[in-house]
Structures are given as structure tokens and as C-alpha cells.
Amino acid sequence: QSAAGYRAGLDAALLASACDAGDGDRVIEAGCGVGAALLAAATRRP
């Protein structure tokens, strides 16, 4: 991620932790930035 621009923080981590998608579900994140919440949620929900 950018050293000077917007940097992912607690909000992205909490959003990812709240994703409860099940197997086979399709999930969209609006405004994903560099992917902090998106990738954490994908890791949590394989």
C-alpha cells in the first residue's frame, strides 16, 4: 500500500471479520482500495 496515501487500518480489519459468507457464496466489496478487507475476508472465508 501507499506510504503517503490512505492506509488500511482497524475499520478494514473489522469489516473483514464481520464477513460471514458461506461456501459457494459470491461477495462484492464496494470501494476495496488496495484490498485490505477484501483479501482478509477471502482468507477467512476460503
PDB file of all heavy atoms in Angstrom:
ATOM      1  N   GLN A   1       0.830  -1.198   0.000  1.00  0.00           N
ATOM      2  CA  GLN A   1       0.000   0.000   0.000  1.00  0.00           C
ATOM      3  C   GLN A   1       0.865   1.249   0.000  1.00  0.00           C
ATOM      4  O   GLN A   1       2.055   1.204   0.324  1.00  0.00           O
ATOM      5  CB  GLN A   1      -0.953   0.002   1.194  1.00  0.00           C
ATOM      6  CG  GLN A   1      -0.305  -0.163   2.545  1.00  0.00           C
ATOM      7  CD  GLN A   1      -1.327  -0.261   3.662  1.00  0.00           C
ATOM      8  OE1 GLN A   1      -2.462   0.204   3.549  1.00  0.00           O
ATOM      9  NE2 GLN A   1      -0.937  -0.870   4.771  1.00  0.00           N
ATOM     10  N   SER A   2       0.243   2.345  -0.367  1.00  0.00           N
ATOM     11  CA  SER A   2       0.958   3.612  -0.462  1.00  0.00           C
ATOM     12  C   SER A   2       1.437   4.061   0.908  1.00  0.00           C
ATOM     13  O   SER A   2       0.714   3.968   1.905  1.00  0.00           O
ATOM     14  CB  SER A   2       0.044   4.672  -1.060  1.00  0.00           C
ATOM     15  OG  SER A   2       0.620   5.953  -0.955  1.00  0.00           O
ATOM     16  N   ALA A   3       2.661   4.562   0.962  1.00  0.00           N
ATOM     17  CA  ALA A   3       3.195   5.078   2.220  1.00  0.00           C
ATOM     18  C   ALA A   3       2.594   6.424   2.561  1.00  0.00           C
ATOM     19  O   ALA A   3       2.476   6.782   3.741  1.00  0.00           O
ATOM     20  CB  ALA A   3       4.713   5.186   2.141  1.00  0.00           C
ATOM     21  N   ALA A   4       2.191   7.198   1.559  1.00  0.00           N
ATOM     22  CA  ALA A   4       1.697   8.552   1.787  1.00  0.00           C
ATOM     23  C   ALA A   4       0.183   8.662   1.672  1.00  0.00           C
ATOM     24  O   ALA A   4      -0.421   9.534   2.284  1.00  0.00           O
ATOM     25  CB  ALA A   4       2.342   9.524   0.800  1.00  0.00           C
ATOM     26  N   GLY A   5      -0.446   7.791   0.902  1.00  0.00           N
ATOM     27  CA  GLY A   5      -1.882   7.873   0.687  1.00  0.00           C
ATOM     28  C   GLY A   5      -2.660   7.209   1.814  1.00  0.00           C
ATOM     29  O   GLY A   5      -2.147   6.951   2.906  1.00  0.00           O
ATOM     30  N   TYR A   6      -3.936   6.932   1.518  1.00  0.00           N
ATOM     31  CA  TYR A   6      -4.785   6.274   2.508  1.00  0.00           C
ATOM     32  C   TYR A   6      -4.254   4.882   2.808  1.00  0.00           C
ATOM     33  O   TYR A   6      -3.950   4.110   1.911  1.00  0.00           O
ATOM     34  CB  TYR A   6      -6.223   6.177   1.989  1.00  0.00           C
ATOM     35  CG  TYR A   6      -7.149   5.487   2.962  1.00  0.00           C
ATOM     36  CD1 TYR A   6      -7.692   6.174   4.045  1.00  0.00           C
ATOM     37  CD2 TYR A   6      -7.460   4.138   2.800  1.00  0.00           C
ATOM     38  CE1 TYR A   6      -8.532   5.535   4.939  1.00  0.00           C
ATOM     39  CE2 TYR A   6      -8.301   3.495   3.693  1.00  0.00           C
ATOM     40  CZ  TYR A   6      -8.830   4.199   4.763  1.00  0.00           C
ATOM     41  OH  TYR A   6      -9.654   3.564   5.655  1.00  0.00           O
ATOM     42  N   ARG A   7      -4.156   4.569   4.097  1.00  0.00           N
ATOM     43  CA  ARG A   7      -3.633   3.272   4.514  1.00  0.00           C
ATOM     44  C   ARG A   7      -4.703   2.525   5.313  1.00  0.00           C
ATOM     45  O   ARG A   7      -5.381   3.095   6.165  1.00  0.00           O
ATOM     46  CB  ARG A   7      -2.362   3.459   5.351  1.00  0.00           C
ATOM     47  CG  ARG A   7      -1.207   4.016   4.532  1.00  0.00           C
ATOM     48  CD  ARG A   7       0.005   4.305   5.388  1.00  0.00           C
ATOM     49  NE  ARG A   7       0.538   3.101   6.023  1.00  0.00           N
ATOM     50  CZ  ARG A   7       1.301   2.200   5.406  1.00  0.00           C
ATOM     51  NH1 ARG A   7       1.610   2.355   4.121  1.00  0.00           N
ATOM     52  NH2 ARG A   7       1.759   1.137   6.043  1.00  0.00           N
ATOM     53  N   ALA A   8      -4.842   1.248   5.014  1.00  0.00           N
ATOM     54  CA  ALA A   8      -5.858   0.435   5.675  1.00  0.00           C
ATOM     55  C   ALA A   8      -5.572   0.327   7.163  1.00  0.00           C
ATOM     56  O   ALA A   8      -4.421   0.259   7.591  1.00  0.00           O
ATOM     57  CB  ALA A   8      -5.893  -0.947   5.047  1.00  0.00           C
ATOM     58  N   GLY A   9      -6.637   0.302   7.944  1.00  0.00           N
ATOM     59  CA  GLY A   9      -6.477   0.223   9.388  1.00  0.00           C
ATOM     60  C   GLY A   9      -7.494  -0.702  10.021  1.00  0.00           C
ATOM     61  O   GLY A   9      -7.925  -1.694   9.429  1.00  0.00           O
ATOM     62  N   LEU A  10      -7.933  -0.337  11.230  1.00  0.00           N
ATOM     63  CA  LEU A  10      -8.824  -1.192  12.005  1.00  0.00           C
ATOM     64  C   LEU A  10     -10.170  -1.393  11.321  1.00  0.00           C
ATOM     65  O   LEU A  10     -10.749  -2.481  11.410  1.00  0.00           O
ATOM     66  CB  LEU A  10      -9.042  -0.587  13.394  1.00  0.00           C
ATOM     67  CG  LEU A  10      -7.894  -0.719  14.389  1.00  0.00           C
ATOM     68  CD1 LEU A  10      -8.232   0.033  15.670  1.00  0.00           C
ATOM     69  CD2 LEU A  10      -7.625  -2.193  14.695  1.00  0.00           C
ATOM     70  N   ASP A  11     -10.680  -0.361  10.664  1.00  0.00           N
ATOM     71  CA  ASP A  11     -12.000  -0.493  10.047  1.00  0.00           C
ATOM     72  C   ASP A  11     -12.018  -1.617   9.016  1.00  0.00           C
ATOM     73  O   ASP A  11     -12.965  -2.400   8.948  1.00  0.00           O
ATOM     74  CB  ASP A  11     -12.419   0.827   9.404  1.00  0.00           C
ATOM     75  CG  ASP A  11     -12.640   1.921  10.439  1.00  0.00           C
ATOM     76  OD1 ASP A  11     -12.976   1.597  11.580  1.00  0.00           O
ATOM     77  OD2 ASP A  11     -12.457   3.099  10.086  1.00  0.00           O
ATOM     78  N   ALA A  12     -10.977  -1.695   8.204  1.00  0.00           N
ATOM     79  CA  ALA A  12     -10.899  -2.760   7.201  1.00  0.00           C
ATOM     80  C   ALA A  12     -10.817  -4.128   7.870  1.00  0.00           C
ATOM     81  O   ALA A  12     -11.462  -5.091   7.431  1.00  0.00           O
ATOM     82  CB  ALA A  12      -9.690  -2.546   6.298  1.00  0.00           C
ATOM     83  N   ALA A  13     -10.039  -4.220   8.946  1.00  0.00           N
ATOM     84  CA  ALA A  13      -9.898  -5.494   9.644  1.00  0.00           C
ATOM     85  C   ALA A  13     -11.220  -5.928  10.264  1.00  0.00           C
ATOM     86  O   ALA A  13     -11.582  -7.117  10.224  1.00  0.00           O
ATOM     87  CB  ALA A  13      -8.818  -5.374  10.716  1.00  0.00           C
ATOM     88  N   LEU A  14     -11.953  -4.987  10.851  1.00  0.00           N
ATOM     89  CA  LEU A  14     -13.233  -5.316  11.473  1.00  0.00           C
ATOM     90  C   LEU A  14     -14.270  -5.690  10.420  1.00  0.00           C
ATOM     91  O   LEU A  14     -15.070  -6.621  10.625  1.00  0.00           O
ATOM     92  CB  LEU A  14     -13.724  -4.141  12.314  1.00  0.00           C
ATOM     93  CG  LEU A  14     -12.866  -3.819  13.542  1.00  0.00           C
ATOM     94  CD1 LEU A  14     -13.366  -2.546  14.220  1.00  0.00           C
ATOM     95  CD2 LEU A  14     -12.866  -4.979  14.529  1.00  0.00           C
ATOM     96  N   LEU A  15     -14.267  -4.981   9.305  1.00  0.00           N
ATOM     97  CA  LEU A  15     -15.199  -5.326   8.232  1.00  0.00           C
ATOM     98  C   LEU A  15     -14.949  -6.744   7.737  1.00  0.00           C
ATOM     99  O   LEU A  15     -15.885  -7.528   7.546  1.00  0.00           O
ATOM    100  CB  LEU A  15     -15.050  -4.328   7.087  1.00  0.00           C
ATOM    101  CG  LEU A  15     -15.955  -4.562   5.872  1.00  0.00           C
ATOM    102  CD1 LEU A  15     -17.426  -4.418   6.246  1.00  0.00           C
ATOM    103  CD2 LEU A  15     -15.605  -3.579   4.751  1.00  0.00           C
ATOM    104  N   ALA A  16     -13.695  -7.098   7.529  1.00  0.00           N
ATOM    105  CA  ALA A  16     -13.364  -8.453   7.070  1.00  0.00           C
ATOM    106  C   ALA A  16     -13.810  -9.500   8.077  1.00  0.00           C
ATOM    107  O   ALA A  16     -14.302 -10.570   7.705  1.00  0.00           O
ATOM    108  CB  ALA A  16     -11.862  -8.565   6.824  1.00  0.00           C
ATOM    109  N   SER A  17     -13.654  -9.195   9.358  1.00  0.00           N
ATOM    110  CA  SER A  17     -14.017 -10.160  10.400  1.00  0.00           C
ATOM    111  C   SER A  17     -15.525 -10.358  10.479  1.00  0.00           C
ATOM    112  O   SER A  17     -15.996 -11.369  11.000  1.00  0.00           O
ATOM    113  CB  SER A  17     -13.488  -9.711  11.757  1.00  0.00           C
ATOM    114  OG  SER A  17     -14.223  -8.608  12.266  1.00  0.00           O
ATOM    115  N   ALA A  18     -16.288  -9.380   9.978  1.00  0.00           N
ATOM    116  CA  ALA A  18     -17.741  -9.466  10.030  1.00  0.00           C
ATOM    117  C   ALA A  18     -18.331 -10.170   8.814  1.00  0.00           C
ATOM    118  O   ALA A  18     -19.539 -10.420   8.774  1.00  0.00           O
ATOM    119  CB  ALA A  18     -18.338  -8.065  10.144  1.00  0.00           C
ATOM    120  N   CYS A  19     -17.511 -10.486   7.830  1.00  0.00           N
ATOM    121  CA  CYS A  19     -17.990 -11.185   6.641  1.00  0.00           C
ATOM    122  C   CYS A  19     -18.250 -12.649   6.988  1.00  0.00           C
ATOM    123  O   CYS A  19     -17.336 -13.368   7.405  1.00  0.00           O
ATOM    124  CB  CYS A  19     -16.956 -11.083   5.515  1.00  0.00           C
ATOM    125  SG  CYS A  19     -17.402 -12.007   4.032  1.00  0.00           S
ATOM    126  N   ASP A  20     -19.478 -13.092   6.825  1.00  0.00           N
ATOM    127  CA  ASP A  20     -19.834 -14.474   7.194  1.00  0.00           C
ATOM    128  C   ASP A  20     -20.274 -15.286   5.978  1.00  0.00           C
ATOM    129  O   ASP A  20     -21.119 -16.167   6.079  1.00  0.00           O
ATOM    130  CB  ASP A  20     -20.918 -14.488   8.271  1.00  0.00           C
ATOM    131  CG  ASP A  20     -22.204 -13.788   7.833  1.00  0.00           C
ATOM    132  OD1 ASP A  20     -22.189 -13.142   6.782  1.00  0.00           O
ATOM    133  OD2 ASP A  20     -23.220 -13.895   8.550  1.00  0.00           O
ATOM    134  N   ALA A  21     -19.701 -14.988   4.825  1.00  0.00           N
ATOM    135  CA  ALA A  21     -20.070 -15.681   3.591  1.00  0.00           C
ATOM    136  C   ALA A  21     -19.808 -17.178   3.701  1.00  0.00           C
ATOM    137  O   ALA A  21     -18.776 -17.612   4.219  1.00  0.00           O
ATOM    138  CB  ALA A  21     -19.290 -15.100   2.413  1.00  0.00           C
ATOM    139  N   GLY A  22     -20.741 -17.951   3.189  1.00  0.00           N
ATOM    140  CA  GLY A  22     -20.603 -19.394   3.217  1.00  0.00           C
ATOM    141  C   GLY A  22     -19.966 -19.937   1.954  1.00  0.00           C
ATOM    142  O   GLY A  22     -19.682 -19.201   0.996  1.00  0.00           O
ATOM    143  N   ASP A  23     -19.729 -21.239   1.954  1.00  0.00           N
ATOM    144  CA  ASP A  23     -19.135 -21.883   0.788  1.00  0.00           C
ATOM    145  C   ASP A  23     -20.020 -21.661  -0.442  1.00  0.00           C
ATOM    146  O   ASP A  23     -21.244 -21.850  -0.390  1.00  0.00           O
ATOM    147  CB  ASP A  23     -18.973 -23.380   1.031  1.00  0.00           C
ATOM    148  CG  ASP A  23     -17.901 -23.689   2.064  1.00  0.00           C
ATOM    149  OD1 ASP A  23     -17.177 -22.753   2.455  1.00  0.00           O
ATOM    150  OD2 ASP A  23     -17.802 -24.848   2.490  1.00  0.00           O
ATOM    151  N   GLY A  24     -19.390 -21.252  -1.532  1.00  0.00           N
ATOM    152  CA  GLY A  24     -20.110 -21.028  -2.769  1.00  0.00           C
ATOM    153  C   GLY A  24     -20.713 -19.645  -2.911  1.00  0.00           C
ATOM    154  O   GLY A  24     -21.189 -19.289  -3.990  1.00  0.00           O
ATOM    155  N   ASP A  25     -20.689 -18.848  -1.847  1.00  0.00           N
ATOM    156  CA  ASP A  25     -21.252 -17.502  -1.921  1.00  0.00           C
ATOM    157  C   ASP A  25     -20.349 -16.578  -2.729  1.00  0.00           C
ATOM    158  O   ASP A  25     -19.126 -16.744  -2.764  1.00  0.00           O
ATOM    159  CB  ASP A  25     -21.433 -16.911  -0.521  1.00  0.00           C
ATOM    160  CG  ASP A  25     -22.657 -17.450   0.195  1.00  0.00           C
ATOM    161  OD1 ASP A  25     -23.451 -18.169  -0.443  1.00  0.00           O
ATOM    162  OD2 ASP A  25     -22.812 -17.162   1.401  1.00  0.00           O
ATOM    163  N   ARG A  26     -20.965 -15.591  -3.353  1.00  0.00           N
ATOM    164  CA  ARG A  26     -20.258 -14.540  -4.058  1.00  0.00           C
ATOM    165  C   ARG A  26     -20.432 -13.238  -3.294  1.00  0.00           C
ATOM    166  O   ARG A  26     -21.547 -12.862  -2.943  1.00  0.00           O
ATOM    167  CB  ARG A  26     -20.782 -14.392  -5.492  1.00  0.00           C
ATOM    168  CG  ARG A  26     -20.539 -15.611  -6.357  1.00  0.00           C
ATOM    169  CD  ARG A  26     -21.255 -15.495  -7.694  1.00  0.00           C
ATOM    170  NE  ARG A  26     -20.859 -14.307  -8.447  1.00  0.00           N
ATOM    171  CZ  ARG A  26     -21.642 -13.236  -8.630  1.00  0.00           C
ATOM    172  NH1 ARG A  26     -22.855 -13.190  -8.111  1.00  0.00           N
ATOM    173  NH2 ARG A  26     -21.203 -12.203  -9.333  1.00  0.00           N
ATOM    174  N   VAL A  27     -19.327 -12.548  -3.037  1.00  0.00           N
ATOM    175  CA  VAL A  27     -19.320 -11.343  -2.215  1.00  0.00           C
ATOM    176  C   VAL A  27     -18.669 -10.210  -2.993  1.00  0.00           C
ATOM    177  O   VAL A  27     -17.621 -10.405  -3.614  1.00  0.00           O
ATOM    178  CB  VAL A  27     -18.537 -11.566  -0.899  1.00  0.00           C
ATOM    179  CG1 VAL A  27     -18.620 -10.329  -0.011  1.00  0.00           C
ATOM    180  CG2 VAL A  27     -19.031 -12.806  -0.169  1.00  0.00           C
ATOM    181  N   ILE A  28     -19.264  -9.019  -2.937  1.00  0.00           N
ATOM    182  CA  ILE A  28     -18.651  -7.848  -3.538  1.00  0.00           C
ATOM    183  C   ILE A  28     -18.339  -6.831  -2.455  1.00  0.00           C
ATOM    184  O   ILE A  28     -19.138  -6.632  -1.537  1.00  0.00           O
ATOM    185  CB  ILE A  28     -19.557  -7.224  -4.631  1.00  0.00           C
ATOM    186  CG1 ILE A  28     -18.822  -6.066  -5.323  1.00  0.00           C
ATOM    187  CG2 ILE A  28     -20.907  -6.795  -4.081  1.00  0.00           C
ATOM    188  CD1 ILE A  28     -19.509  -5.554  -6.577  1.00  0.00           C
ATOM    189  N   GLU A  29     -17.161  -6.223  -2.536  1.00  0.00           N
ATOM    190  CA  GLU A  29     -16.827  -5.107  -1.669  1.00  0.00           C
ATOM    191  C   GLU A  29     -16.797  -3.841  -2.509  1.00  0.00           C
ATOM    192  O   GLU A  29     -16.053  -3.747  -3.483  1.00  0.00           O
ATOM    193  CB  GLU A  29     -15.477  -5.279  -0.970  1.00  0.00           C
ATOM    194  CG  GLU A  29     -15.223  -4.103  -0.020  1.00  0.00           C
ATOM    195  CD  GLU A  29     -13.820  -4.021   0.550  1.00  0.00           C
ATOM    196  OE1 GLU A  29     -12.968  -4.855   0.188  1.00  0.00           O
ATOM    197  OE2 GLU A  29     -13.578  -3.093   1.340  1.00  0.00           O
ATOM    198  N   ALA A  30     -17.574  -2.846  -2.121  1.00  0.00           N
ATOM    199  CA  ALA A  30     -17.578  -1.558  -2.806  1.00  0.00           C
ATOM    200  C   ALA A  30     -16.518  -0.664  -2.184  1.00  0.00           C
ATOM    201  O   ALA A  30     -16.492  -0.474  -0.966  1.00  0.00           O
ATOM    202  CB  ALA A  30     -18.949  -0.900  -2.685  1.00  0.00           C
ATOM    203  N   GLY A  31     -15.643  -0.121  -3.033  1.00  0.00           N
ATOM    204  CA  GLY A  31     -14.559   0.716  -2.531  1.00  0.00           C
ATOM    205  C   GLY A  31     -13.493  -0.108  -1.843  1.00  0.00           C
ATOM    206  O   GLY A  31     -13.170   0.114  -0.687  1.00  0.00           O
ATOM    207  N   CYS A  32     -12.911  -1.051  -2.574  1.00  0.00           N
ATOM    208  CA  CYS A  32     -11.991  -2.010  -1.944  1.00  0.00           C
ATOM    209  C   CYS A  32     -10.591  -1.465  -1.734  1.00  0.00           C
ATOM    210  O   CYS A  32      -9.777  -2.103  -1.049  1.00  0.00           O
ATOM    211  CB  CYS A  32     -11.936  -3.300  -2.749  1.00  0.00           C
ATOM    212  SG  CYS A  32     -11.109  -3.151  -4.359  1.00  0.00           S
ATOM    213  N   GLY A  33     -10.257  -0.305  -2.314  1.00  0.00           N
ATOM    214  CA  GLY A  33      -8.908   0.225  -2.162  1.00  0.00           C
ATOM    215  C   GLY A  33      -7.874  -0.756  -2.675  1.00  0.00           C
ATOM    216  O   GLY A  33      -8.041  -1.343  -3.744  1.00  0.00           O
ATOM    217  N   VAL A  34      -6.805  -0.960  -1.903  1.00  0.00           N
ATOM    218  CA  VAL A  34      -5.760  -1.887  -2.316  1.00  0.00           C
ATOM    219  C   VAL A  34      -6.058  -3.321  -1.891  1.00  0.00           C
ATOM    220  O   VAL A  34      -5.247  -4.213  -2.107  1.00  0.00           O
ATOM    221  CB  VAL A  34      -4.382  -1.451  -1.779  1.00  0.00           C
ATOM    222  CG1 VAL A  34      -4.024  -0.066  -2.289  1.00  0.00           C
ATOM    223  CG2 VAL A  34      -4.334  -1.495  -0.251  1.00  0.00           C
ATOM    224  N   GLY A  35      -7.231  -3.550  -1.273  1.00  0.00           N
ATOM    225  CA  GLY A  35      -7.655  -4.912  -0.990  1.00  0.00           C
ATOM    226  C   GLY A  35      -7.503  -5.387   0.436  1.00  0.00           C
ATOM    227  O   GLY A  35      -7.569  -6.596   0.684  1.00  0.00           O
ATOM    228  N   ALA A  36      -7.355  -4.491   1.394  1.00  0.00           N
ATOM    229  CA  ALA A  36      -7.124  -4.920   2.778  1.00  0.00           C
ATOM    230  C   ALA A  36      -8.270  -5.766   3.315  1.00  0.00           C
ATOM    231  O   ALA A  36      -8.076  -6.911   3.754  1.00  0.00           O
ATOM    232  CB  ALA A  36      -6.892  -3.706   3.673  1.00  0.00           C
ATOM    233  N   ALA A  37      -9.484  -5.235   3.302  1.00  0.00           N
ATOM    234  CA  ALA A  37     -10.631  -6.001   3.795  1.00  0.00           C
ATOM    235  C   ALA A  37     -10.975  -7.149   2.857  1.00  0.00           C
ATOM    236  O   ALA A  37     -11.310  -8.251   3.298  1.00  0.00           O
ATOM    237  CB  ALA A  37     -11.836  -5.076   3.968  1.00  0.00           C
ATOM    238  N   LEU A  38     -10.883  -6.897   1.561  1.00  0.00           N
ATOM    239  CA  LEU A  38     -11.223  -7.900   0.552  1.00  0.00           C
ATOM    240  C   LEU A  38     -10.397  -9.166   0.718  1.00  0.00           C
ATOM    241  O   LEU A  38     -10.923 -10.289   0.740  1.00  0.00           O
ATOM    242  CB  LEU A  38     -10.997  -7.295  -0.828  1.00  0.00           C
ATOM    243  CG  LEU A  38     -11.416  -8.101  -2.051  1.00  0.00           C
ATOM    244  CD1 LEU A  38     -12.929  -8.183  -2.136  1.00  0.00           C
ATOM    245  CD2 LEU A  38     -10.857  -7.462  -3.314  1.00  0.00           C
ATOM    246  N   LEU A  39      -9.082  -8.999   0.851  1.00  0.00           N
ATOM    247  CA  LEU A  39      -8.191 -10.157   0.936  1.00  0.00           C
ATOM    248  C   LEU A  39      -8.249 -10.823   2.295  1.00  0.00           C
ATOM    249  O   LEU A  39      -8.123 -12.047   2.402  1.00  0.00           O
ATOM    250  CB  LEU A  39      -6.767  -9.729   0.598  1.00  0.00           C
ATOM    251  CG  LEU A  39      -6.598  -9.152  -0.810  1.00  0.00           C
ATOM    252  CD1 LEU A  39      -5.175  -8.688  -1.036  1.00  0.00           C
ATOM    253  CD2 LEU A  39      -7.004 -10.163  -1.877  1.00  0.00           C
ATOM    254  N   ALA A  40      -8.437 -10.030   3.349  1.00  0.00           N
ATOM    255  CA  ALA A  40      -8.582 -10.632   4.677  1.00  0.00           C
ATOM    256  C   ALA A  40      -9.862 -11.451   4.745  1.00  0.00           C
ATOM    257  O   ALA A  40      -9.884 -12.559   5.311  1.00  0.00           O
ATOM    258  CB  ALA A  40      -8.581  -9.547   5.751  1.00  0.00           C
ATOM    259  N   ALA A  41     -10.955 -10.933   4.164  1.00  0.00           N
ATOM    260  CA  ALA A  41     -12.204 -11.689   4.157  1.00  0.00           C
ATOM    261  C   ALA A  41     -12.074 -12.962   3.324  1.00  0.00           C
ATOM    262  O   ALA A  41     -12.577 -14.029   3.703  1.00  0.00           O
ATOM    263  CB  ALA A  41     -13.331 -10.815   3.612  1.00  0.00           C
ATOM    264  N   ALA A  42     -11.391 -12.866   2.184  1.00  0.00           N
ATOM    265  CA  ALA A  42     -11.197 -14.043   1.342  1.00  0.00           C
ATOM    266  C   ALA A  42     -10.352 -15.097   2.050  1.00  0.00           C
ATOM    267  O   ALA A  42     -10.572 -16.303   1.882  1.00  0.00           O
ATOM    268  CB  ALA A  42     -10.551 -13.635   0.024  1.00  0.00           C
ATOM    269  N   THR A  43      -9.393 -14.652   2.836  1.00  0.00           N
ATOM    270  CA  THR A  43      -8.563 -15.587   3.599  1.00  0.00           C
ATOM    271  C   THR A  43      -9.372 -16.251   4.706  1.00  0.00           C
ATOM    272  O   THR A  43      -9.236 -17.453   4.968  1.00  0.00           O
ATOM    273  CB  THR A  43      -7.353 -14.854   4.190  1.00  0.00           C
ATOM    274  OG1 THR A  43      -6.576 -14.288   3.121  1.00  0.00           O
ATOM    275  CG2 THR A  43      -6.468 -15.784   5.003  1.00  0.00           C
ATOM    276  N   ARG A  44     -10.224 -15.479   5.345  1.00  0.00           N
ATOM    277  CA  ARG A  44     -11.072 -16.020   6.410  1.00  0.00           C
ATOM    278  C   ARG A  44     -12.131 -16.971   5.862  1.00  0.00           C
ATOM    279  O   ARG A  44     -12.540 -17.907   6.548  1.00  0.00           O
ATOM    280  CB  ARG A  44     -11.786 -14.871   7.140  1.00  0.00           C
ATOM    281  CG  ARG A  44     -10.913 -14.058   8.097  1.00  0.00           C
ATOM    282  CD  ARG A  44     -11.716 -12.886   8.639  1.00  0.00           C
ATOM    283  NE  ARG A  44     -11.060 -12.151   9.692  1.00  0.00           N
ATOM    284  CZ  ARG A  44     -11.140 -12.429  10.984  1.00  0.00           C
ATOM    285  NH1 ARG A  44     -11.856 -13.470  11.373  1.00  0.00           N
ATOM    286  NH2 ARG A  44     -10.530 -11.682  11.885  1.00  0.00           N
ATOM    287  N   ARG A  45     -12.604 -16.721   4.650  1.00  0.00           N
ATOM    288  CA  ARG A  45     -13.712 -17.483   4.063  1.00  0.00           C
ATOM    289  C   ARG A  45     -13.259 -18.166   2.777  1.00  0.00           C
ATOM    290  O   ARG A  45     -13.576 -17.732   1.663  1.00  0.00           O
ATOM    291  CB  ARG A  45     -14.887 -16.542   3.785  1.00  0.00           C
ATOM    292  CG  ARG A  45     -15.424 -15.850   5.031  1.00  0.00           C
ATOM    293  CD  ARG A  45     -16.141 -16.841   5.923  1.00  0.00           C
ATOM    294  NE  ARG A  45     -16.524 -16.254   7.205  1.00  0.00           N
ATOM    295  CZ  ARG A  45     -17.211 -16.902   8.138  1.00  0.00           C
ATOM    296  NH1 ARG A  45     -17.605 -18.148   7.919  1.00  0.00           N
ATOM    297  NH2 ARG A  45     -17.497 -16.325   9.283  1.00  0.00           N
ATOM    298  N   PRO A  46     -12.496 -19.259   2.898  1.00  0.00           N
ATOM    299  CA  PRO A  46     -11.876 -19.877   1.719  1.00  0.00           C
ATOM    300  C   PRO A  46     -12.859 -20.511   0.741  1.00  0.00           C
ATOM    301  O   PRO A  46     -12.483 -20.819  -0.390  1.00  0.00           O
ATOM    302  CB  PRO A  46     -10.944 -20.930   2.325  1.00  0.00           C
ATOM    303  CG  PRO A  46     -11.516 -21.228   3.669  1.00  0.00           C
ATOM    304  CD  PRO A  46     -12.106 -19.942   4.152  1.00  0.00           C
TER     305      PRO A  46
END
